[in-house]
Amino acid sequence: MKTVDIYTDGACSGNPGPGGYAAALIYKGRQKEISEGFAETTNNRMELSACIAGLGQLKEPCRVNLYSDSKYVINGINKGWARGWKQNGWMRNRKEEAKNADLWEELLGLLDTHDVSFIWVKGHTDNPYNELCDRLAREAAESRRT
């Protein structure tokens, strides 16, 4: 099974507001970058979208080290929140719906295909791939300003 590193980031100008995501996939010294912007979204939607888009680029099941500076994404997976919300009909508790259920559902589906380790990286601390994704996500968000 191939091992791929994926770095992701999401950005939003206002929350909600124009937003963008980016992912950088690294495999055997080769690098692929993707990004996309949206006119009206939230930061958390962009963080999730970056993970989905990065994993969606994979053509076969892979072992993945997915790096994100989003504690929302990292904790949602590593602490089991997303799977718990799904089991509870996408409810966080008896009264409160889980946000971004559509994206969590899509991400969980991708985790059934790939062996993914979610790794938190501190943002804006000179990690070159995190900085690259941050810049690409901000540029994608800026491109959607009206």
N, C-alpha and C. Protein backbone atom coordinates (compact mmCIF):
# COMPACT_ATOMS: atom_id res chain seq x y z
N MET A 1 0.85 -1.18 0.00
CA MET A 1 0.00 0.00 0.00
C MET A 1 0.89 1.24 0.00
N LYS A 2 0.60 2.18 -0.89
CA LYS A 2 1.38 3.42 -0.97
C LYS A 2 1.12 4.27 0.28
N THR A 3 2.15 5.00 0.70
CA THR A 3 2.02 5.96 1.79
C THR A 3 2.14 7.36 1.22
N VAL A 4 1.13 8.18 1.47
CA VAL A 4 1.05 9.54 0.96
C VAL A 4 0.91 10.50 2.13
N ASP A 5 1.62 11.62 2.08
CA ASP A 5 1.43 12.70 3.04
C ASP A 5 0.52 13.74 2.41
N ILE A 6 -0.49 14.18 3.16
CA ILE A 6 -1.39 15.23 2.69
C ILE A 6 -1.43 16.32 3.75
N TYR A 7 -1.13 17.54 3.33
CA TYR A 7 -1.26 18.72 4.18
C TYR A 7 -2.49 19.48 3.72
N THR A 8 -3.27 19.99 4.67
CA THR A 8 -4.51 20.68 4.32
C THR A 8 -4.65 21.98 5.10
N ASP A 9 -5.43 22.89 4.54
CA ASP A 9 -5.80 24.09 5.28
C ASP A 9 -7.05 24.69 4.67
N GLY A 10 -7.80 25.38 5.50
CA GLY A 10 -8.97 26.12 5.07
C GLY A 10 -8.86 27.54 5.55
N ALA A 11 -9.51 28.45 4.82
CA ALA A 11 -9.48 29.86 5.18
C ALA A 11 -10.84 30.47 4.90
N CYS A 12 -11.17 31.48 5.67
CA CYS A 12 -12.43 32.18 5.46
C CYS A 12 -12.24 33.63 5.87
N SER A 13 -12.73 34.53 5.02
CA SER A 13 -12.66 35.96 5.32
C SER A 13 -14.03 36.37 5.82
N GLY A 14 -14.15 36.43 7.14
CA GLY A 14 -15.46 36.52 7.77
C GLY A 14 -15.88 35.08 8.02
N ASN A 15 -16.80 34.87 8.91
CA ASN A 15 -17.19 33.49 9.21
C ASN A 15 -18.67 33.45 9.55
N PRO A 16 -19.56 33.40 8.55
CA PRO A 16 -19.31 33.03 7.16
C PRO A 16 -18.82 34.20 6.31
N GLY A 17 -18.33 33.82 5.14
CA GLY A 17 -17.82 34.77 4.17
C GLY A 17 -17.14 34.02 3.05
N PRO A 18 -16.41 34.74 2.19
CA PRO A 18 -15.66 34.06 1.13
C PRO A 18 -14.61 33.15 1.76
N GLY A 19 -14.49 31.94 1.23
CA GLY A 19 -13.55 30.99 1.81
C GLY A 19 -12.86 30.17 0.75
N GLY A 20 -11.83 29.47 1.19
CA GLY A 20 -11.10 28.59 0.29
C GLY A 20 -10.42 27.50 1.06
N TYR A 21 -10.07 26.46 0.33
CA TYR A 21 -9.30 25.37 0.94
C TYR A 21 -8.15 25.03 0.02
N ALA A 22 -7.17 24.32 0.58
CA ALA A 22 -6.03 23.85 -0.20
C ALA A 22 -5.52 22.55 0.41
N ALA A 23 -4.94 21.74 -0.46
CA ALA A 23 -4.28 20.51 -0.02
C ALA A 23 -3.03 20.32 -0.86
N ALA A 24 -2.00 19.80 -0.22
CA ALA A 24 -0.77 19.43 -0.91
C ALA A 24 -0.53 17.96 -0.64
N LEU A 25 -0.44 17.19 -1.72
CA LEU A 25 -0.19 15.76 -1.62
C LEU A 25 1.26 15.50 -1.98
N ILE A 26 1.95 14.72 -1.14
CA ILE A 26 3.36 14.42 -1.37
C ILE A 26 3.53 12.90 -1.40
N TYR A 27 4.11 12.43 -2.51
CA TYR A 27 4.36 11.00 -2.67
C TYR A 27 5.67 10.82 -3.42
N LYS A 28 6.61 10.14 -2.80
CA LYS A 28 7.92 9.84 -3.40
C LYS A 28 8.55 11.09 -4.02
N GLY A 29 8.55 12.18 -3.28
CA GLY A 29 9.21 13.40 -3.74
C GLY A 29 8.41 14.23 -4.72
N ARG A 30 7.27 13.71 -5.17
CA ARG A 30 6.42 14.49 -6.08
C ARG A 30 5.35 15.18 -5.26
N GLN A 31 4.92 16.33 -5.75
CA GLN A 31 3.96 17.14 -5.02
C GLN A 31 2.84 17.60 -5.96
N LYS A 32 1.60 17.50 -5.47
CA LYS A 32 0.44 18.00 -6.20
C LYS A 32 -0.31 18.93 -5.28
N GLU A 33 -0.69 20.10 -5.80
CA GLU A 33 -1.42 21.09 -5.01
C GLU A 33 -2.79 21.29 -5.63
N ILE A 34 -3.81 21.37 -4.77
CA ILE A 34 -5.16 21.68 -5.22
C ILE A 34 -5.75 22.74 -4.31
N SER A 35 -6.64 23.55 -4.85
CA SER A 35 -7.33 24.55 -4.05
C SER A 35 -8.62 24.94 -4.76
N GLU A 36 -9.54 25.48 -3.99
CA GLU A 36 -10.81 25.94 -4.54
C GLU A 36 -11.39 27.00 -3.61
N GLY A 37 -12.10 27.96 -4.19
CA GLY A 37 -12.72 29.01 -3.41
C GLY A 37 -14.23 28.97 -3.50
N PHE A 38 -14.88 29.54 -2.49
CA PHE A 38 -16.34 29.59 -2.40
C PHE A 38 -16.77 30.98 -1.96
N ALA A 39 -17.90 31.45 -2.48
CA ALA A 39 -18.35 32.81 -2.19
C ALA A 39 -18.85 32.97 -0.76
N GLU A 40 -19.51 31.96 -0.21
CA GLU A 40 -20.11 32.07 1.12
C GLU A 40 -19.98 30.74 1.84
N THR A 41 -19.15 30.70 2.86
CA THR A 41 -18.90 29.45 3.57
C THR A 41 -18.37 29.76 4.96
N THR A 42 -17.91 28.74 5.66
CA THR A 42 -17.29 28.93 6.98
C THR A 42 -15.91 28.29 7.00
N ASN A 43 -15.13 28.69 7.97
CA ASN A 43 -13.78 28.15 8.11
C ASN A 43 -13.81 26.64 8.32
N ASN A 44 -14.70 26.16 9.19
CA ASN A 44 -14.74 24.72 9.45
C ASN A 44 -15.14 23.93 8.21
N ARG A 45 -16.04 24.47 7.40
CA ARG A 45 -16.40 23.78 6.15
C ARG A 45 -15.19 23.71 5.22
N MET A 46 -14.39 24.75 5.21
CA MET A 46 -13.21 24.75 4.35
C MET A 46 -12.15 23.78 4.87
N GLU A 47 -11.99 23.68 6.18
CA GLU A 47 -11.03 22.72 6.74
C GLU A 47 -11.43 21.29 6.38
N LEU A 48 -12.71 20.97 6.51
CA LEU A 48 -13.20 19.64 6.14
C LEU A 48 -13.07 19.41 4.64
N SER A 49 -13.41 20.42 3.86
CA SER A 49 -13.35 20.29 2.39
C SER A 49 -11.93 20.03 1.92
N ALA A 50 -10.96 20.62 2.59
CA ALA A 50 -9.55 20.40 2.22
C ALA A 50 -9.18 18.93 2.40
N CYS A 51 -9.61 18.34 3.50
CA CYS A 51 -9.33 16.92 3.76
C CYS A 51 -10.02 16.04 2.72
N ILE A 52 -11.28 16.33 2.45
CA ILE A 52 -12.04 15.55 1.47
C ILE A 52 -11.41 15.65 0.09
N ALA A 53 -11.05 16.86 -0.30
CA ALA A 53 -10.46 17.05 -1.63
C ALA A 53 -9.12 16.35 -1.75
N GLY A 54 -8.30 16.44 -0.71
CA GLY A 54 -6.99 15.77 -0.74
C GLY A 54 -7.15 14.26 -0.85
N LEU A 55 -7.98 13.68 -0.01
CA LEU A 55 -8.20 12.23 -0.06
C LEU A 55 -8.88 11.82 -1.36
N GLY A 56 -9.70 12.69 -1.90
CA GLY A 56 -10.39 12.40 -3.15
C GLY A 56 -9.48 12.32 -4.35
N GLN A 57 -8.27 12.83 -4.24
CA GLN A 57 -7.30 12.77 -5.33
C GLN A 57 -6.66 11.39 -5.47
N LEU A 58 -6.77 10.58 -4.44
CA LEU A 58 -6.10 9.28 -4.44
C LEU A 58 -6.84 8.29 -5.34
N LYS A 59 -6.11 7.61 -6.19
CA LYS A 59 -6.69 6.72 -7.20
C LYS A 59 -6.87 5.28 -6.70
N GLU A 60 -6.27 4.96 -5.56
CA GLU A 60 -6.36 3.61 -5.00
C GLU A 60 -6.24 3.73 -3.49
N PRO A 61 -6.63 2.69 -2.74
CA PRO A 61 -6.49 2.76 -1.29
C PRO A 61 -5.03 3.01 -0.90
N CYS A 62 -4.84 3.94 0.01
CA CYS A 62 -3.49 4.34 0.45
C CYS A 62 -3.43 4.45 1.96
N ARG A 63 -2.21 4.38 2.46
CA ARG A 63 -1.92 4.76 3.83
C ARG A 63 -1.60 6.26 3.77
N VAL A 64 -2.26 7.05 4.61
CA VAL A 64 -2.15 8.51 4.52
C VAL A 64 -1.80 9.10 5.87
N ASN A 65 -0.84 10.00 5.86
CA ASN A 65 -0.58 10.89 6.99
C ASN A 65 -1.19 12.22 6.61
N LEU A 66 -2.31 12.57 7.24
CA LEU A 66 -3.00 13.81 6.90
C LEU A 66 -2.73 14.84 8.00
N TYR A 67 -2.11 15.95 7.60
CA TYR A 67 -1.70 17.00 8.53
C TYR A 67 -2.66 18.18 8.41
N SER A 68 -3.14 18.65 9.55
CA SER A 68 -4.06 19.78 9.58
C SER A 68 -3.79 20.61 10.83
N ASP A 69 -4.02 21.91 10.71
CA ASP A 69 -3.91 22.78 11.90
C ASP A 69 -5.29 23.00 12.53
N SER A 70 -6.30 22.26 12.06
CA SER A 70 -7.66 22.41 12.56
C SER A 70 -7.95 21.40 13.67
N LYS A 71 -8.08 21.89 14.89
CA LYS A 71 -8.44 21.00 15.99
C LYS A 71 -9.85 20.46 15.80
N TYR A 72 -10.72 21.21 15.13
CA TYR A 72 -12.07 20.75 14.81
C TYR A 72 -12.00 19.44 14.02
N VAL A 73 -11.19 19.41 12.98
CA VAL A 73 -11.05 18.21 12.16
C VAL A 73 -10.32 17.11 12.93
N ILE A 74 -9.19 17.44 13.50
CA ILE A 74 -8.37 16.43 14.18
C ILE A 74 -9.16 15.78 15.33
N ASN A 75 -9.77 16.60 16.18
CA ASN A 75 -10.54 16.05 17.30
C ASN A 75 -11.80 15.33 16.82
N GLY A 76 -12.42 15.85 15.76
CA GLY A 76 -13.62 15.21 15.23
C GLY A 76 -13.36 13.77 14.83
N ILE A 77 -12.16 13.50 14.33
CA ILE A 77 -11.80 12.13 13.95
C ILE A 77 -11.12 11.40 15.10
N ASN A 78 -10.04 11.95 15.61
CA ASN A 78 -9.24 11.23 16.60
C ASN A 78 -9.96 10.99 17.93
N LYS A 79 -10.87 11.88 18.30
CA LYS A 79 -11.62 11.68 19.54
C LYS A 79 -12.96 10.99 19.30
N GLY A 80 -13.23 10.65 18.04
CA GLY A 80 -14.44 9.89 17.73
C GLY A 80 -15.72 10.70 17.68
N TRP A 81 -15.60 12.03 17.72
CA TRP A 81 -16.81 12.86 17.73
C TRP A 81 -17.68 12.60 16.50
N ALA A 82 -17.07 12.60 15.31
CA ALA A 82 -17.84 12.50 14.07
C ALA A 82 -18.58 11.16 14.00
N ARG A 83 -17.92 10.09 14.35
CA ARG A 83 -18.60 8.78 14.32
C ARG A 83 -19.73 8.74 15.35
N GLY A 84 -19.53 9.36 16.50
CA GLY A 84 -20.58 9.44 17.52
C GLY A 84 -21.77 10.26 17.03
N TRP A 85 -21.49 11.40 16.40
CA TRP A 85 -22.58 12.21 15.85
C TRP A 85 -23.38 11.42 14.82
N LYS A 86 -22.65 10.69 13.97
CA LYS A 86 -23.31 9.89 12.94
C LYS A 86 -24.22 8.83 13.59
N GLN A 87 -23.70 8.14 14.59
CA GLN A 87 -24.48 7.11 15.28
C GLN A 87 -25.74 7.70 15.92
N ASN A 88 -25.65 8.97 16.31
CA ASN A 88 -26.77 9.65 16.96
C ASN A 88 -27.63 10.43 15.97
N GLY A 89 -27.58 10.05 14.70
CA GLY A 89 -28.40 10.72 13.69
C GLY A 89 -27.95 12.15 13.43
N TRP A 90 -26.65 12.38 13.53
CA TRP A 90 -26.03 13.69 13.33
C TRP A 90 -26.50 14.73 14.35
N MET A 91 -26.65 14.24 15.57
CA MET A 91 -26.95 15.12 16.70
C MET A 91 -25.75 15.13 17.63
N ARG A 92 -25.37 16.32 18.09
CA ARG A 92 -24.28 16.43 19.07
C ARG A 92 -24.75 16.02 20.46
N ASN A 93 -25.99 16.36 20.74
CA ASN A 93 -26.65 15.96 21.99
C ASN A 93 -28.15 15.90 21.69
N ARG A 94 -28.96 15.82 22.67
CA ARG A 94 -30.41 15.64 22.42
C ARG A 94 -31.05 16.83 21.72
N LYS A 95 -30.48 18.00 21.83
CA LYS A 95 -31.10 19.20 21.28
C LYS A 95 -30.33 19.87 20.15
N GLU A 96 -29.08 19.54 20.00
CA GLU A 96 -28.21 20.28 19.08
C GLU A 96 -27.72 19.40 17.94
N GLU A 97 -28.03 19.83 16.70
CA GLU A 97 -27.55 19.12 15.53
C GLU A 97 -26.05 19.32 15.34
N ALA A 98 -25.39 18.31 14.83
CA ALA A 98 -23.97 18.44 14.48
C ALA A 98 -23.88 19.31 13.23
N LYS A 99 -22.96 20.22 13.24
CA LYS A 99 -22.75 21.09 12.07
C LYS A 99 -21.93 20.34 11.03
N ASN A 100 -22.16 20.69 9.78
CA ASN A 100 -21.38 20.16 8.64
C ASN A 100 -21.52 18.66 8.48
N ALA A 101 -22.69 18.13 8.83
CA ALA A 101 -22.91 16.68 8.76
C ALA A 101 -22.65 16.14 7.36
N ASP A 102 -23.00 16.91 6.32
CA ASP A 102 -22.78 16.44 4.95
C ASP A 102 -21.30 16.19 4.68
N LEU A 103 -20.45 17.09 5.15
CA LEU A 103 -19.01 16.95 4.93
C LEU A 103 -18.41 15.87 5.82
N TRP A 104 -18.85 15.79 7.07
CA TRP A 104 -18.36 14.72 7.94
C TRP A 104 -18.72 13.36 7.34
N GLU A 105 -19.94 13.24 6.82
CA GLU A 105 -20.38 11.98 6.20
C GLU A 105 -19.45 11.60 5.04
N GLU A 106 -19.13 12.58 4.22
CA GLU A 106 -18.24 12.34 3.07
C GLU A 106 -16.85 11.94 3.53
N LEU A 107 -16.33 12.65 4.53
CA LEU A 107 -15.00 12.34 5.05
C LEU A 107 -14.96 10.94 5.66
N LEU A 108 -15.96 10.59 6.44
CA LEU A 108 -15.99 9.25 7.05
C LEU A 108 -16.03 8.17 5.97
N GLY A 109 -16.73 8.41 4.89
CA GLY A 109 -16.75 7.46 3.78
C GLY A 109 -15.37 7.24 3.19
N LEU A 110 -14.60 8.31 3.06
CA LEU A 110 -13.24 8.19 2.54
C LEU A 110 -12.33 7.42 3.50
N LEU A 111 -12.62 7.51 4.78
CA LEU A 111 -11.82 6.79 5.77
C LEU A 111 -12.07 5.29 5.72
N ASP A 112 -13.19 4.89 5.11
CA ASP A 112 -13.45 3.46 4.90
C ASP A 112 -12.57 2.90 3.78
N THR A 113 -12.07 3.78 2.90
CA THR A 113 -11.23 3.36 1.78
C THR A 113 -9.75 3.42 2.11
N HIS A 114 -9.35 4.46 2.83
CA HIS A 114 -7.93 4.72 3.10
C HIS A 114 -7.62 4.54 4.57
N ASP A 115 -6.37 4.20 4.86
CA ASP A 115 -5.87 4.07 6.23
C ASP A 115 -5.23 5.42 6.59
N VAL A 116 -6.00 6.27 7.26
CA VAL A 116 -5.58 7.66 7.47
C VAL A 116 -5.24 7.92 8.93
N SER A 117 -4.06 8.51 9.15
CA SER A 117 -3.66 9.02 10.45
C SER A 117 -3.80 10.54 10.40
N PHE A 118 -4.62 11.10 11.29
CA PHE A 118 -4.81 12.55 11.35
C PHE A 118 -3.82 13.12 12.36
N ILE A 119 -3.02 14.08 11.91
CA ILE A 119 -1.93 14.63 12.71
C ILE A 119 -2.09 16.14 12.78
N TRP A 120 -2.15 16.65 14.00
CA TRP A 120 -2.28 18.10 14.18
C TRP A 120 -0.92 18.76 14.06
N VAL A 121 -0.89 19.86 13.30
CA VAL A 121 0.31 20.70 13.22
C VAL A 121 -0.09 22.11 13.65
N LYS A 122 0.77 22.74 14.38
CA LYS A 122 0.50 24.12 14.78
C LYS A 122 0.63 25.01 13.55
N GLY A 123 -0.39 25.82 13.31
CA GLY A 123 -0.38 26.71 12.15
C GLY A 123 0.59 27.86 12.32
N HIS A 124 1.08 28.35 11.20
CA HIS A 124 1.91 29.55 11.14
C HIS A 124 3.19 29.41 11.97
N THR A 125 3.81 28.24 11.89
CA THR A 125 5.06 28.02 12.63
C THR A 125 6.16 27.53 11.71
N ASP A 126 6.17 28.04 10.50
CA ASP A 126 7.22 27.77 9.53
C ASP A 126 7.26 26.33 9.03
N ASN A 127 6.14 25.60 9.12
CA ASN A 127 6.05 24.30 8.44
C ASN A 127 5.79 24.63 6.98
N PRO A 128 6.71 24.32 6.07
CA PRO A 128 6.57 24.79 4.69
C PRO A 128 5.29 24.33 3.99
N TYR A 129 4.85 23.10 4.25
CA TYR A 129 3.63 22.63 3.58
C TYR A 129 2.38 23.25 4.19
N ASN A 130 2.38 23.45 5.51
CA ASN A 130 1.25 24.14 6.14
C ASN A 130 1.18 25.58 5.64
N GLU A 131 2.32 26.23 5.53
CA GLU A 131 2.35 27.61 5.03
C GLU A 131 1.90 27.67 3.58
N LEU A 132 2.30 26.70 2.77
CA LEU A 132 1.87 26.64 1.37
C LEU A 132 0.35 26.51 1.29
N CYS A 133 -0.22 25.59 2.04
CA CYS A 133 -1.67 25.39 2.02
C CYS A 133 -2.41 26.61 2.55
N ASP A 134 -1.87 27.25 3.57
CA ASP A 134 -2.47 28.47 4.09
C ASP A 134 -2.53 29.54 3.01
N ARG A 135 -1.43 29.73 2.30
CA ARG A 135 -1.39 30.75 1.24
C ARG A 135 -2.36 30.41 0.11
N LEU A 136 -2.36 29.16 -0.32
CA LEU A 136 -3.26 28.75 -1.41
C LEU A 136 -4.72 28.88 -1.00
N ALA A 137 -5.05 28.52 0.24
CA ALA A 137 -6.43 28.64 0.71
C ALA A 137 -6.86 30.10 0.79
N ARG A 138 -5.98 30.97 1.28
CA ARG A 138 -6.31 32.40 1.34
C ARG A 138 -6.48 32.98 -0.05
N GLU A 139 -5.61 32.58 -0.99
CA GLU A 139 -5.75 33.06 -2.37
C GLU A 139 -7.06 32.58 -2.99
N ALA A 140 -7.43 31.35 -2.73
CA ALA A 140 -8.69 30.82 -3.27
C ALA A 140 -9.88 31.58 -2.68
N ALA A 141 -9.82 31.89 -1.38
CA ALA A 141 -10.89 32.67 -0.76
C ALA A 141 -10.97 34.07 -1.36
N GLU A 142 -9.81 34.68 -1.53
CA GLU A 142 -9.76 36.04 -2.10
C GLU A 142 -10.34 36.06 -3.51
N SER A 143 -10.13 35.00 -4.26
CA SER A 143 -10.63 34.94 -5.65
C SER A 143 -12.16 34.93 -5.70
N ARG A 144 -12.82 34.63 -4.58
CA ARG A 144 -14.28 34.56 -4.55
C ARG A 144 -14.94 35.79 -3.94
N ARG A 145 -14.13 36.77 -3.58
CA ARG A 145 -14.70 38.04 -3.06
C ARG A 145 -15.50 38.71 -4.16
N THR A 146 -16.65 39.26 -3.79
CA THR A 146 -17.46 39.95 -4.80
C THR A 146 -17.25 41.44 -4.72
